Amino acid sequence: MSAPQIIQTPTGERLVVLPEQEYHALLARLEDQDDIDAANAVVARGEESFPAAVVDALLDGVAPVKVYREYRGLRAGELAEKAGISQGYLSEIESGKKSGSLSVLTRIAAALDVELRDIT
């Protein structure tokens, strides 16, 4: 890193001049720090974070119930039993054939230990 040049404007304002490459490096470090601060805030609130594979699957349009079920290591029959529904009904929800009632989705979310908004 080279020494920055300090110049003073006619109004007395002091400006720092540095190479463009160093300017972009500083911006990148600031952005990284913003990401670190945001992640620390999530941890401080006690929110669960998920691995990139879960996020990628959700972004790819895989049914959230299926994504979280697989992440939790549950077989479809196990989740259906925990939620008090048939495995066939769960399959229809995961495939998008049925949306599921609020009551059922609430039980599925509880069984998966996620927020209702995470699976809807």
PDB file of N, CA and C in Angstrom:
ATOM      1  N   MET A   1       0.851  -1.167   0.000  1.00  0.00           N
ATOM      2  CA  MET A   1       0.000   0.000   0.000  1.00  0.00           C
ATOM      3  C   MET A   1       0.900   1.234   0.000  1.00  0.00           C
ATOM      4  N   SER A   2       0.635   2.120  -0.930  1.00  0.00           N
ATOM      5  CA  SER A   2       1.452   3.329  -1.013  1.00  0.00           C
ATOM      6  C   SER A   2       0.903   4.395  -0.071  1.00  0.00           C
ATOM      7  N   ALA A   3       1.740   5.340   0.271  1.00  0.00           N
ATOM      8  CA  ALA A   3       1.327   6.415   1.164  1.00  0.00           C
ATOM      9  C   ALA A   3       0.322   7.299   0.447  1.00  0.00           C
ATOM     10  N   PRO A   4      -0.787   7.603   1.089  1.00  0.00           N
ATOM     11  CA  PRO A   4      -1.772   8.468   0.433  1.00  0.00           C
ATOM     12  C   PRO A   4      -1.267   9.905   0.373  1.00  0.00           C
ATOM     13  N   GLN A   5      -1.755  10.623  -0.586  1.00  0.00           N
ATOM     14  CA  GLN A   5      -1.400  12.028  -0.739  1.00  0.00           C
ATOM     15  C   GLN A   5      -2.533  12.857  -0.124  1.00  0.00           C
ATOM     16  N   ILE A   6      -2.178  13.825   0.680  1.00  0.00           N
ATOM     17  CA  ILE A   6      -3.166  14.713   1.291  1.00  0.00           C
ATOM     18  C   ILE A   6      -3.090  16.055   0.558  1.00  0.00           C
ATOM     19  N   ILE A   7      -4.232  16.513   0.094  1.00  0.00           N
ATOM     20  CA  ILE A   7      -4.270  17.834  -0.528  1.00  0.00           C
ATOM     21  C   ILE A   7      -5.317  18.677   0.191  1.00  0.00           C
ATOM     22  N   GLN A   8      -5.141  19.957   0.141  1.00  0.00           N
ATOM     23  CA  GLN A   8      -6.077  20.853   0.797  1.00  0.00           C
ATOM     24  C   GLN A   8      -6.723  21.732  -0.261  1.00  0.00           C
ATOM     25  N   THR A   9      -8.051  21.809  -0.224  1.00  0.00           N
ATOM     26  CA  THR A   9      -8.781  22.621  -1.186  1.00  0.00           C
ATOM     27  C   THR A   9      -8.702  24.091  -0.781  1.00  0.00           C
ATOM     28  N   PRO A  10      -9.041  24.978  -1.677  1.00  0.00           N
ATOM     29  CA  PRO A  10      -9.036  26.409  -1.340  1.00  0.00           C
ATOM     30  C   PRO A  10      -9.934  26.756  -0.145  1.00  0.00           C
ATOM     31  N   THR A  11     -10.941  25.916   0.111  1.00  0.00           N
ATOM     32  CA  THR A  11     -11.837  26.176   1.247  1.00  0.00           C
ATOM     33  C   THR A  11     -11.308  25.576   2.544  1.00  0.00           C
ATOM     34  N   GLY A  12     -10.185  24.870   2.475  1.00  0.00           N
ATOM     35  CA  GLY A  12      -9.584  24.303   3.675  1.00  0.00           C
ATOM     36  C   GLY A  12      -9.905  22.835   3.904  1.00  0.00           C
ATOM     37  N   GLU A  13     -10.747  22.277   3.045  1.00  0.00           N
ATOM     38  CA  GLU A  13     -11.082  20.855   3.192  1.00  0.00           C
ATOM     39  C   GLU A  13      -9.872  20.010   2.816  1.00  0.00           C
ATOM     40  N   ARG A  14      -9.590  18.995   3.648  1.00  0.00           N
ATOM     41  CA  ARG A  14      -8.452  18.105   3.376  1.00  0.00           C
ATOM     42  C   ARG A  14      -8.977  16.857   2.663  1.00  0.00           C
ATOM     43  N   LEU A  15      -8.356  16.506   1.562  1.00  0.00           N
ATOM     44  CA  LEU A  15      -8.736  15.347   0.762  1.00  0.00           C
ATOM     45  C   LEU A  15      -7.590  14.357   0.719  1.00  0.00           C
ATOM     46  N   VAL A  16      -7.932  13.086   0.679  1.00  0.00           N
ATOM     47  CA  VAL A  16      -6.932  12.022   0.583  1.00  0.00           C
ATOM     48  C   VAL A  16      -6.985  11.473  -0.837  1.00  0.00           C
ATOM     49  N   VAL A  17      -5.845  11.411  -1.471  1.00  0.00           N
ATOM     50  CA  VAL A  17      -5.735  10.861  -2.822  1.00  0.00           C
ATOM     51  C   VAL A  17      -4.972   9.544  -2.717  1.00  0.00           C
ATOM     52  N   LEU A  18      -5.552   8.475  -3.280  1.00  0.00           N
ATOM     53  CA  LEU A  18      -4.880   7.188  -3.273  1.00  0.00           C
ATOM     54  C   LEU A  18      -5.119   6.498  -4.604  1.00  0.00           C
ATOM     55  N   PRO A  19      -4.287   5.543  -4.939  1.00  0.00           N
ATOM     56  CA  PRO A  19      -4.459   4.838  -6.211  1.00  0.00           C
ATOM     57  C   PRO A  19      -5.832   4.162  -6.292  1.00  0.00           C
ATOM     58  N   GLU A  20      -6.369   4.128  -7.500  1.00  0.00           N
ATOM     59  CA  GLU A  20      -7.700   3.557  -7.712  1.00  0.00           C
ATOM     60  C   GLU A  20      -7.784   2.118  -7.222  1.00  0.00           C
ATOM     61  N   GLN A  21      -6.746   1.336  -7.455  1.00  0.00           N
ATOM     62  CA  GLN A  21      -6.739  -0.061  -7.020  1.00  0.00           C
ATOM     63  C   GLN A  21      -6.901  -0.143  -5.499  1.00  0.00           C
ATOM     64  N   GLU A  22      -6.237   0.728  -4.765  1.00  0.00           N
ATOM     65  CA  GLU A  22      -6.354   0.731  -3.308  1.00  0.00           C
ATOM     66  C   GLU A  22      -7.744   1.196  -2.870  1.00  0.00           C
ATOM     67  N   TYR A  23      -8.310   2.138  -3.598  1.00  0.00           N
ATOM     68  CA  TYR A  23      -9.673   2.595  -3.321  1.00  0.00           C
ATOM     69  C   TYR A  23     -10.651   1.433  -3.447  1.00  0.00           C
ATOM     70  N   HIS A  24     -10.550   0.654  -4.533  1.00  0.00           N
ATOM     71  CA  HIS A  24     -11.446  -0.489  -4.740  1.00  0.00           C
ATOM     72  C   HIS A  24     -11.213  -1.562  -3.675  1.00  0.00           C
ATOM     73  N   ALA A  25      -9.972  -1.752  -3.263  1.00  0.00           N
ATOM     74  CA  ALA A  25      -9.678  -2.723  -2.197  1.00  0.00           C
ATOM     75  C   ALA A  25     -10.331  -2.293  -0.890  1.00  0.00           C
ATOM     76  N   LEU A  26     -10.306  -0.997  -0.597  1.00  0.00           N
ATOM     77  CA  LEU A  26     -10.962  -0.495   0.616  1.00  0.00           C
ATOM     78  C   LEU A  26     -12.473  -0.713   0.555  1.00  0.00           C
ATOM     79  N   LEU A  27     -13.070  -0.463  -0.611  1.00  0.00           N
ATOM     80  CA  LEU A  27     -14.506  -0.699  -0.768  1.00  0.00           C
ATOM     81  C   LEU A  27     -14.852  -2.172  -0.546  1.00  0.00           C
ATOM     82  N   ALA A  28     -14.031  -3.061  -1.076  1.00  0.00           N
ATOM     83  CA  ALA A  28     -14.269  -4.498  -0.911  1.00  0.00           C
ATOM     84  C   ALA A  28     -14.187  -4.890   0.557  1.00  0.00           C
ATOM     85  N   ARG A  29     -13.199  -4.346   1.264  1.00  0.00           N
ATOM     86  CA  ARG A  29     -13.067  -4.651   2.692  1.00  0.00           C
ATOM     87  C   ARG A  29     -14.267  -4.127   3.480  1.00  0.00           C
ATOM     88  N   LEU A  30     -14.755  -2.958   3.111  1.00  0.00           N
ATOM     89  CA  LEU A  30     -15.925  -2.392   3.772  1.00  0.00           C
ATOM     90  C   LEU A  30     -17.146  -3.265   3.543  1.00  0.00           C
ATOM     91  N   GLU A  31     -17.318  -3.738   2.315  1.00  0.00           N
ATOM     92  CA  GLU A  31     -18.441  -4.621   2.001  1.00  0.00           C
ATOM     93  C   GLU A  31     -18.331  -5.932   2.779  1.00  0.00           C
ATOM     94  N   ASP A  32     -17.124  -6.484   2.864  1.00  0.00           N
ATOM     95  CA  ASP A  32     -16.917  -7.707   3.655  1.00  0.00           C
ATOM     96  C   ASP A  32     -17.280  -7.465   5.115  1.00  0.00           C
ATOM     97  N   GLN A  33     -16.887  -6.313   5.649  1.00  0.00           N
ATOM     98  CA  GLN A  33     -17.190  -6.008   7.043  1.00  0.00           C
ATOM     99  C   GLN A  33     -18.694  -5.851   7.253  1.00  0.00           C
ATOM    100  N   ASP A  34     -19.393  -5.262   6.280  1.00  0.00           N
ATOM    101  CA  ASP A  34     -20.855  -5.159   6.367  1.00  0.00           C
ATOM    102  C   ASP A  34     -21.486  -6.546   6.429  1.00  0.00           C
ATOM    103  N   ASP A  35     -20.981  -7.478   5.610  1.00  0.00           N
ATOM    104  CA  ASP A  35     -21.491  -8.856   5.627  1.00  0.00           C
ATOM    105  C   ASP A  35     -21.226  -9.523   6.974  1.00  0.00           C
ATOM    106  N   ILE A  36     -20.044  -9.313   7.515  1.00  0.00           N
ATOM    107  CA  ILE A  36     -19.696  -9.885   8.825  1.00  0.00           C
ATOM    108  C   ILE A  36     -20.603  -9.310   9.902  1.00  0.00           C
ATOM    109  N   ASP A  37     -20.835  -8.014   9.872  1.00  0.00           N
ATOM    110  CA  ASP A  37     -21.704  -7.368  10.861  1.00  0.00           C
ATOM    111  C   ASP A  37     -23.131  -7.909  10.767  1.00  0.00           C
ATOM    112  N   ALA A  38     -23.623  -8.096   9.542  1.00  0.00           N
ATOM    113  CA  ALA A  38     -24.979  -8.625   9.358  1.00  0.00           C
ATOM    114  C   ALA A  38     -25.077 -10.056   9.892  1.00  0.00           C
ATOM    115  N   ALA A  39     -24.066 -10.874   9.622  1.00  0.00           N
ATOM    116  CA  ALA A  39     -24.063 -12.252  10.125  1.00  0.00           C
ATOM    117  C   ALA A  39     -23.992 -12.277  11.646  1.00  0.00           C
ATOM    118  N   ASN A  40     -23.193 -11.407  12.230  1.00  0.00           N
ATOM    119  CA  ASN A  40     -23.099 -11.338  13.692  1.00  0.00           C
ATOM    120  C   ASN A  40     -24.420 -10.900  14.308  1.00  0.00           C
ATOM    121  N   ALA A  41     -25.151 -10.010  13.635  1.00  0.00           N
ATOM    122  CA  ALA A  41     -26.454  -9.575  14.139  1.00  0.00           C
ATOM    123  C   ALA A  41     -27.447 -10.729  14.147  1.00  0.00           C
ATOM    124  N   VAL A  42     -27.401 -11.586  13.118  1.00  0.00           N
ATOM    125  CA  VAL A  42     -28.278 -12.766  13.073  1.00  0.00           C
ATOM    126  C   VAL A  42     -27.964 -13.689  14.244  1.00  0.00           C
ATOM    127  N   VAL A  43     -26.695 -13.935  14.482  1.00  0.00           N
ATOM    128  CA  VAL A  43     -26.276 -14.798  15.584  1.00  0.00           C
ATOM    129  C   VAL A  43     -26.702 -14.194  16.920  1.00  0.00           C
ATOM    130  N   ALA A  44     -26.532 -12.886  17.065  1.00  0.00           N
ATOM    131  CA  ALA A  44     -26.891 -12.216  18.317  1.00  0.00           C
ATOM    132  C   ALA A  44     -28.388 -12.319  18.594  1.00  0.00           C
ATOM    133  N   ARG A  45     -29.196 -12.326  17.537  1.00  0.00           N
ATOM    134  CA  ARG A  45     -30.646 -12.460  17.716  1.00  0.00           C
ATOM    135  C   ARG A  45     -31.056 -13.905  17.965  1.00  0.00           C
ATOM    136  N   GLY A  46     -30.113 -14.818  17.852  1.00  0.00           N
ATOM    137  CA  GLY A  46     -30.419 -16.227  18.083  1.00  0.00           C
ATOM    138  C   GLY A  46     -31.086 -16.906  16.904  1.00  0.00           C
ATOM    139  N   GLU A  47     -31.031 -16.295  15.735  1.00  0.00           N
ATOM    140  CA  GLU A  47     -31.632 -16.891  14.545  1.00  0.00           C
ATOM    141  C   GLU A  47     -30.727 -17.987  14.001  1.00  0.00           C
ATOM    142  N   GLU A  48     -31.352 -19.010  13.482  1.00  0.00           N
ATOM    143  CA  GLU A  48     -30.593 -20.106  12.876  1.00  0.00           C
ATOM    144  C   GLU A  48     -30.141 -19.687  11.487  1.00  0.00           C
ATOM    145  N   SER A  49     -28.924 -20.045  11.151  1.00  0.00           N
ATOM    146  CA  SER A  49     -28.451 -19.815   9.789  1.00  0.00           C
ATOM    147  C   SER A  49     -28.389 -21.162   9.077  1.00  0.00           C
ATOM    148  N   PHE A  50     -28.465 -21.107   7.772  1.00  0.00           N
ATOM    149  CA  PHE A  50     -28.507 -22.333   6.979  1.00  0.00           C
ATOM    150  C   PHE A  50     -27.344 -22.355   6.003  1.00  0.00           C
ATOM    151  N   PRO A  51     -26.865 -23.548   5.678  1.00  0.00           N
ATOM    152  CA  PRO A  51     -25.752 -23.650   4.731  1.00  0.00           C
ATOM    153  C   PRO A  51     -26.163 -23.215   3.325  1.00  0.00           C
ATOM    154  N   ALA A  52     -25.171 -22.919   2.533  1.00  0.00           N
ATOM    155  CA  ALA A  52     -25.399 -22.450   1.171  1.00  0.00           C
ATOM    156  C   ALA A  52     -26.230 -23.439   0.359  1.00  0.00           C
ATOM    157  N   ALA A  53     -26.071 -24.728   0.597  1.00  0.00           N
ATOM    158  CA  ALA A  53     -26.829 -25.722  -0.172  1.00  0.00           C
ATOM    159  C   ALA A  53     -28.332 -25.558   0.050  1.00  0.00           C
ATOM    160  N   VAL A  54     -28.732 -25.221   1.264  1.00  0.00           N
ATOM    161  CA  VAL A  54     -30.153 -24.996   1.564  1.00  0.00           C
ATOM    162  C   VAL A  54     -30.632 -23.744   0.835  1.00  0.00           C
ATOM    163  N   VAL A  55     -29.875 -22.677   0.941  1.00  0.00           N
ATOM    164  CA  VAL A  55     -30.237 -21.426   0.283  1.00  0.00           C
ATOM    165  C   VAL A  55     -30.297 -21.618  -1.228  1.00  0.00           C
ATOM    166  N   ASP A  56     -29.314 -22.303  -1.785  1.00  0.00           N
ATOM    167  CA  ASP A  56     -29.294 -22.548  -3.233  1.00  0.00           C
ATOM    168  C   ASP A  56     -30.519 -23.339  -3.681  1.00  0.00           C
ATOM    169  N   ALA A  57     -30.892 -24.363  -2.914  1.00  0.00           N
ATOM    170  CA  ALA A  57     -32.061 -25.172  -3.266  1.00  0.00           C
ATOM    171  C   ALA A  57     -33.326 -24.314  -3.247  1.00  0.00           C
ATOM    172  N   LEU A  58     -33.454 -23.470  -2.242  1.00  0.00           N
ATOM    173  CA  LEU A  58     -34.621 -22.587  -2.170  1.00  0.00           C
ATOM    174  C   LEU A  58     -34.640 -21.622  -3.347  1.00  0.00           C
ATOM    175  N   LEU A  59     -33.482 -21.055  -3.681  1.00  0.00           N
ATOM    176  CA  LEU A  59     -33.402 -20.130  -4.817  1.00  0.00           C
ATOM    177  C   LEU A  59     -33.657 -20.830  -6.143  1.00  0.00           C
ATOM    178  N   ASP A  60     -33.353 -22.125  -6.202  1.00  0.00           N
ATOM    179  CA  ASP A  60     -33.597 -22.905  -7.419  1.00  0.00           C
ATOM    180  C   ASP A  60     -35.054 -23.324  -7.561  1.00  0.00           C
ATOM    181  N   GLY A  61     -35.879 -22.999  -6.550  1.00  0.00           N
ATOM    182  CA  GLY A  61     -37.309 -23.296  -6.641  1.00  0.00           C
ATOM    183  C   GLY A  61     -37.730 -24.627  -6.066  1.00  0.00           C
ATOM    184  N   VAL A  62     -36.836 -25.327  -5.370  1.00  0.00           N
ATOM    185  CA  VAL A  62     -37.224 -26.575  -4.711  1.00  0.00           C
ATOM    186  C   VAL A  62     -38.199 -26.222  -3.597  1.00  0.00           C
ATOM    187  N   ALA A  63     -39.233 -27.032  -3.425  1.00  0.00           N
ATOM    188  CA  ALA A  63     -40.260 -26.771  -2.416  1.00  0.00           C
ATOM    189  C   ALA A  63     -39.624 -26.620  -1.036  1.00  0.00           C
ATOM    190  N   PRO A  64     -39.914 -25.509  -0.348  1.00  0.00           N
ATOM    191  CA  PRO A  64     -39.302 -25.273   0.961  1.00  0.00           C
ATOM    192  C   PRO A  64     -39.500 -26.402   1.962  1.00  0.00           C
ATOM    193  N   VAL A  65     -40.673 -27.006   1.971  1.00  0.00           N
ATOM    194  CA  VAL A  65     -40.914 -28.103   2.916  1.00  0.00           C
ATOM    195  C   VAL A  65     -39.920 -29.228   2.655  1.00  0.00           C
ATOM    196  N   LYS A  66     -39.712 -29.551   1.408  1.00  0.00           N
ATOM    197  CA  LYS A  66     -38.765 -30.616   1.062  1.00  0.00           C
ATOM    198  C   LYS A  66     -37.339 -30.223   1.425  1.00  0.00           C
ATOM    199  N   VAL A  67     -36.964 -28.979   1.126  1.00  0.00           N
ATOM    200  CA  VAL A  67     -35.608 -28.513   1.424  1.00  0.00           C
ATOM    201  C   VAL A  67     -35.321 -28.634   2.918  1.00  0.00           C
ATOM    202  N   TYR A  68     -36.225 -28.109   3.743  1.00  0.00           N
ATOM    203  CA  TYR A  68     -35.998 -28.141   5.189  1.00  0.00           C
ATOM    204  C   TYR A  68     -36.122 -29.556   5.749  1.00  0.00           C
ATOM    205  N   ARG A  69     -37.006 -30.374   5.173  1.00  0.00           N
ATOM    206  CA  ARG A  69     -37.117 -31.770   5.626  1.00  0.00           C
ATOM    207  C   ARG A  69     -35.799 -32.501   5.397  1.00  0.00           C
ATOM    208  N   GLU A  70     -35.260 -32.338   4.206  1.00  0.00           N
ATOM    209  CA  GLU A  70     -33.994 -33.008   3.896  1.00  0.00           C
ATOM    210  C   GLU A  70     -32.855 -32.447   4.744  1.00  0.00           C
ATOM    211  N   TYR A  71     -32.858 -31.140   4.959  1.00  0.00           N
ATOM    212  CA  TYR A  71     -31.815 -30.533   5.802  1.00  0.00           C
ATOM    213  C   TYR A  71     -31.883 -31.077   7.226  1.00  0.00           C
ATOM    214  N   ARG A  72     -33.081 -31.294   7.728  1.00  0.00           N
ATOM    215  CA  ARG A  72     -33.250 -31.832   9.085  1.00  0.00           C
ATOM    216  C   ARG A  72     -32.995 -33.344   9.139  1.00  0.00           C
ATOM    217  N   GLY A  73     -32.812 -33.956   7.973  1.00  0.00           N
ATOM    218  CA  GLY A  73     -32.513 -35.385   7.937  1.00  0.00           C
ATOM    219  C   GLY A  73     -33.718 -36.266   8.189  1.00  0.00           C
ATOM    220  N   LEU A  74     -34.880 -35.763   7.833  1.00  0.00           N
ATOM    221  CA  LEU A  74     -36.108 -36.531   8.044  1.00  0.00           C
ATOM    222  C   LEU A  74     -36.562 -37.192   6.753  1.00  0.00           C
ATOM    223  N   ARG A  75     -37.073 -38.402   6.881  1.00  0.00           N
ATOM    224  CA  ARG A  75     -37.746 -39.041   5.755  1.00  0.00           C
ATOM    225  C   ARG A  75     -39.156 -38.460   5.687  1.00  0.00           C
ATOM    226  N   ALA A  76     -39.778 -38.553   4.515  1.00  0.00           N
ATOM    227  CA  ALA A  76     -41.114 -37.989   4.335  1.00  0.00           C
ATOM    228  C   ALA A  76     -42.102 -38.577   5.341  1.00  0.00           C
ATOM    229  N   GLY A  77     -42.010 -39.872   5.565  1.00  0.00           N
ATOM    230  CA  GLY A  77     -42.917 -40.514   6.512  1.00  0.00           C
ATOM    231  C   GLY A  77     -42.742 -39.991   7.929  1.00  0.00           C
ATOM    232  N   GLU A  78     -41.503 -39.696   8.305  1.00  0.00           N
ATOM    233  CA  GLU A  78     -41.237 -39.165   9.641  1.00  0.00           C
ATOM    234  C   GLU A  78     -41.843 -37.774   9.812  1.00  0.00           C
ATOM    235  N   LEU A  79     -41.663 -36.925   8.811  1.00  0.00           N
ATOM    236  CA  LEU A  79     -42.230 -35.585   8.903  1.00  0.00           C
ATOM    237  C   LEU A  79     -43.751 -35.642   8.903  1.00  0.00           C
ATOM    238  N   ALA A  80     -44.307 -36.473   8.034  1.00  0.00           N
ATOM    239  CA  ALA A  80     -45.768 -36.604   7.984  1.00  0.00           C
ATOM    240  C   ALA A  80     -46.313 -37.030   9.349  1.00  0.00           C
ATOM    241  N   GLU A  81     -45.659 -37.989   9.969  1.00  0.00           N
ATOM    242  CA  GLU A  81     -46.107 -38.451  11.287  1.00  0.00           C
ATOM    243  C   GLU A  81     -46.005 -37.325  12.318  1.00  0.00           C
ATOM    244  N   LYS A  82     -44.903 -36.604  12.327  1.00  0.00           N
ATOM    245  CA  LYS A  82     -44.726 -35.501  13.282  1.00  0.00           C
ATOM    246  C   LYS A  82     -45.775 -34.411  13.080  1.00  0.00           C
ATOM    247  N   ALA A  83     -46.160 -34.181  11.830  1.00  0.00           N
ATOM    248  CA  ALA A  83     -47.131 -33.133  11.515  1.00  0.00           C
ATOM    249  C   ALA A  83     -48.567 -33.627  11.602  1.00  0.00           C
ATOM    250  N   GLY A  84     -48.737 -34.933  11.766  1.00  0.00           N
ATOM    251  CA  GLY A  84     -50.085 -35.487  11.874  1.00  0.00           C
ATOM    252  C   GLY A  84     -50.850 -35.512  10.566  1.00  0.00           C
ATOM    253  N   ILE A  85     -50.127 -35.744   9.465  1.00  0.00           N
ATOM    254  CA  ILE A  85     -50.772 -35.836   8.153  1.00  0.00           C
ATOM    255  C   ILE A  85     -50.284 -37.109   7.465  1.00  0.00           C
ATOM    256  N   SER A  86     -50.939 -37.448   6.368  1.00  0.00           N
ATOM    257  CA  SER A  86     -50.516 -38.642   5.636  1.00  0.00           C
ATOM    258  C   SER A  86     -49.266 -38.323   4.813  1.00  0.00           C
ATOM    259  N   GLN A  87     -48.496 -39.345   4.528  1.00  0.00           N
ATOM    260  CA  GLN A  87     -47.301 -39.171   3.705  1.00  0.00           C
ATOM    261  C   GLN A  87     -47.688 -38.719   2.301  1.00  0.00           C
ATOM    262  N   GLY A  88     -48.821 -39.205   1.809  1.00  0.00           N
ATOM    263  CA  GLY A  88     -49.293 -38.798   0.485  1.00  0.00           C
ATOM    264  C   GLY A  88     -49.608 -37.305   0.423  1.00  0.00           C
ATOM    265  N   TYR A  89     -50.254 -36.798   1.489  1.00  0.00           N
ATOM    266  CA  TYR A  89     -50.580 -35.374   1.544  1.00  0.00           C
ATOM    267  C   TYR A  89     -49.299 -34.548   1.579  1.00  0.00           C
ATOM    268  N   LEU A  90     -48.325 -34.989   2.369  1.00  0.00           N
ATOM    269  CA  LEU A  90     -47.041 -34.302   2.421  1.00  0.00           C
ATOM    270  C   LEU A  90     -46.396 -34.302   1.041  1.00  0.00           C
ATOM    271  N   SER A  91     -46.464 -35.417   0.358  1.00  0.00           N
ATOM    272  CA  SER A  91     -45.882 -35.515  -0.985  1.00  0.00           C
ATOM    273  C   SER A  91     -46.536 -34.514  -1.934  1.00  0.00           C
ATOM    274  N   GLU A  92     -47.849 -34.362  -1.812  1.00  0.00           N
ATOM    275  CA  GLU A  92     -48.554 -33.401  -2.669  1.00  0.00           C
ATOM    276  C   GLU A  92     -48.147 -31.961  -2.342  1.00  0.00           C
ATOM    277  N   ILE A  93     -47.895 -31.679  -1.080  1.00  0.00           N
ATOM    278  CA  ILE A  93     -47.435 -30.342  -0.690  1.00  0.00           C
ATOM    279  C   ILE A  93     -46.028 -30.108  -1.237  1.00  0.00           C
ATOM    280  N   GLU A  94     -45.155 -31.088  -1.071  1.00  0.00           N
ATOM    281  CA  GLU A  94     -43.777 -30.945  -1.550  1.00  0.00           C
ATOM    282  C   GLU A  94     -43.701 -30.834  -3.068  1.00  0.00           C
ATOM    283  N   SER A  95     -44.609 -31.473  -3.778  1.00  0.00           N
ATOM    284  CA  SER A  95     -44.585 -31.425  -5.240  1.00  0.00           C
ATOM    285  C   SER A  95     -45.337 -30.221  -5.801  1.00  0.00           C
ATOM    286  N   GLY A  96     -46.035 -29.481  -4.922  1.00  0.00           N
ATOM    287  CA  GLY A  96     -46.772 -28.308  -5.363  1.00  0.00           C
ATOM    288  C   GLY A  96     -48.169 -28.606  -5.855  1.00  0.00           C
ATOM    289  N   LYS A  97     -48.605 -29.865  -5.747  1.00  0.00           N
ATOM    290  CA  LYS A  97     -49.957 -30.218  -6.183  1.00  0.00           C
ATOM    291  C   LYS A  97     -51.004 -29.653  -5.236  1.00  0.00           C
ATOM    292  N   LYS A  98     -50.645 -29.512  -3.965  1.00  0.00           N
ATOM    293  CA  LYS A  98     -51.530 -28.914  -2.961  1.00  0.00           C
ATOM    294  C   LYS A  98     -50.716 -27.901  -2.176  1.00  0.00           C
ATOM    295  N   SER A  99     -51.411 -26.848  -1.739  1.00  0.00           N
ATOM    296  CA  SER A  99     -50.703 -25.810  -0.987  1.00  0.00           C
ATOM    297  C   SER A  99     -50.689 -26.101   0.507  1.00  0.00           C
ATOM    298  N   GLY A 100     -51.637 -26.860   0.994  1.00  0.00           N
ATOM    299  CA  GLY A 100     -51.714 -27.158   2.414  1.00  0.00           C
ATOM    300  C   GLY A 100     -52.457 -26.064   3.161  1.00  0.00           C
ATOM    301  N   SER A 101     -53.269 -26.473   4.114  1.00  0.00           N
ATOM    302  CA  SER A 101     -54.011 -25.493   4.912  1.00  0.00           C
ATOM    303  C   SER A 101     -53.064 -24.803   5.881  1.00  0.00           C
ATOM    304  N   LEU A 102     -53.498 -23.703   6.422  1.00  0.00           N
ATOM    305  CA  LEU A 102     -52.704 -22.970   7.401  1.00  0.00           C
ATOM    306  C   LEU A 102     -52.397 -23.854   8.604  1.00  0.00           C
ATOM    307  N   SER A 103     -53.375 -24.613   9.028  1.00  0.00           N
ATOM    308  CA  SER A 103     -53.187 -25.504  10.176  1.00  0.00           C
ATOM    309  C   SER A 103     -52.113 -26.551   9.894  1.00  0.00           C
ATOM    310  N   VAL A 104     -52.179 -27.153   8.729  1.00  0.00           N
ATOM    311  CA  VAL A 104     -51.204 -28.184   8.362  1.00  0.00           C
ATOM    312  C   VAL A 104     -49.816 -27.578   8.202  1.00  0.00           C
ATOM    313  N   LEU A 105     -49.724 -26.440   7.521  1.00  0.00           N
ATOM    314  CA  LEU A 105     -48.420 -25.801   7.329  1.00  0.00           C
ATOM    315  C   LEU A 105     -47.816 -25.361   8.661  1.00  0.00           C
ATOM    316  N   THR A 106     -48.659 -24.936   9.581  1.00  0.00           N
ATOM    317  CA  THR A 106     -48.180 -24.562  10.912  1.00  0.00           C
ATOM    318  C   THR A 106     -47.583 -25.771  11.617  1.00  0.00           C
ATOM    319  N   ARG A 107     -48.240 -26.920  11.502  1.00  0.00           N
ATOM    320  CA  ARG A 107     -47.718 -28.147  12.135  1.00  0.00           C
ATOM    321  C   ARG A 107     -46.440 -28.617  11.454  1.00  0.00           C
ATOM    322  N   ILE A 108     -46.372 -28.496  10.135  1.00  0.00           N
ATOM    323  CA  ILE A 108     -45.155 -28.878   9.414  1.00  0.00           C
ATOM    324  C   ILE A 108     -44.002 -27.967   9.830  1.00  0.00           C
ATOM    325  N   ALA A 109     -44.247 -26.666   9.893  1.00  0.00           N
ATOM    326  CA  ALA A 109     -43.203 -25.719  10.303  1.00  0.00           C
ATOM    327  C   ALA A 109     -42.703 -26.054  11.705  1.00  0.00           C
ATOM    328  N   ALA A 110     -43.627 -26.365  12.611  1.00  0.00           N
ATOM    329  CA  ALA A 110     -43.235 -26.720  13.974  1.00  0.00           C
ATOM    330  C   ALA A 110     -42.401 -27.996  13.974  1.00  0.00           C
ATOM    331  N   ALA A 111     -42.802 -28.978  13.176  1.00  0.00           N
ATOM    332  CA  ALA A 111     -42.061 -30.240  13.116  1.00  0.00           C
ATOM    333  C   ALA A 111     -40.660 -30.044  12.533  1.00  0.00           C
ATOM    334  N   LEU A 112     -40.532 -29.074  11.636  1.00  0.00           N
ATOM    335  CA  LEU A 112     -39.235 -28.790  11.020  1.00  0.00           C
ATOM    336  C   LEU A 112     -38.424 -27.768  11.821  1.00  0.00           C
ATOM    337  N   ASP A 113     -39.034 -27.198  12.838  1.00  0.00           N
ATOM    338  CA  ASP A 113     -38.404 -26.162  13.666  1.00  0.00           C
ATOM    339  C   ASP A 113     -37.964 -24.977  12.810  1.00  0.00           C
ATOM    340  N   VAL A 114     -38.912 -24.513  11.971  1.00  0.00           N
ATOM    341  CA  VAL A 114     -38.702 -23.309  11.172  1.00  0.00           C
ATOM    342  C   VAL A 114     -39.921 -22.417  11.341  1.00  0.00           C
ATOM    343  N   GLU A 115     -39.804 -21.181  10.912  1.00  0.00           N
ATOM    344  CA  GLU A 115     -40.947 -20.258  10.937  1.00  0.00           C
ATOM    345  C   GLU A 115     -41.903 -20.627   9.819  1.00  0.00           C
ATOM    346  N   LEU A 116     -43.175 -20.363  10.029  1.00  0.00           N
ATOM    347  CA  LEU A 116     -44.187 -20.624   8.998  1.00  0.00           C
ATOM    348  C   LEU A 116     -43.826 -19.894   7.701  1.00  0.00           C
ATOM    349  N   ARG A 117     -43.329 -18.681   7.808  1.00  0.00           N
ATOM    350  CA  ARG A 117     -42.976 -17.909   6.599  1.00  0.00           C
ATOM    351  C   ARG A 117     -41.844 -18.576   5.805  1.00  0.00           C
ATOM    352  N   ASP A 118     -41.062 -19.429   6.466  1.00  0.00           N
ATOM    353  CA  ASP A 118     -39.966 -20.100   5.763  1.00  0.00           C
ATOM    354  C   ASP A 118     -40.464 -21.154   4.783  1.00  0.00           C
ATOM    355  N   ILE A 119     -41.657 -21.680   5.012  1.00  0.00           N
ATOM    356  CA  ILE A 119     -42.144 -22.756   4.135  1.00  0.00           C
ATOM    357  C   ILE A 119     -43.314 -22.341   3.275  1.00  0.00           C
ATOM    358  N   THR A 120     -43.715 -21.084   3.366  1.00  0.00           N
ATOM    359  CA  THR A 120     -44.860 -20.622   2.547  1.00  0.00           C
ATOM    360  C   THR A 120     -44.400 -19.676   1.467  1.00  0.00           C
TER     361      THR A 120
END
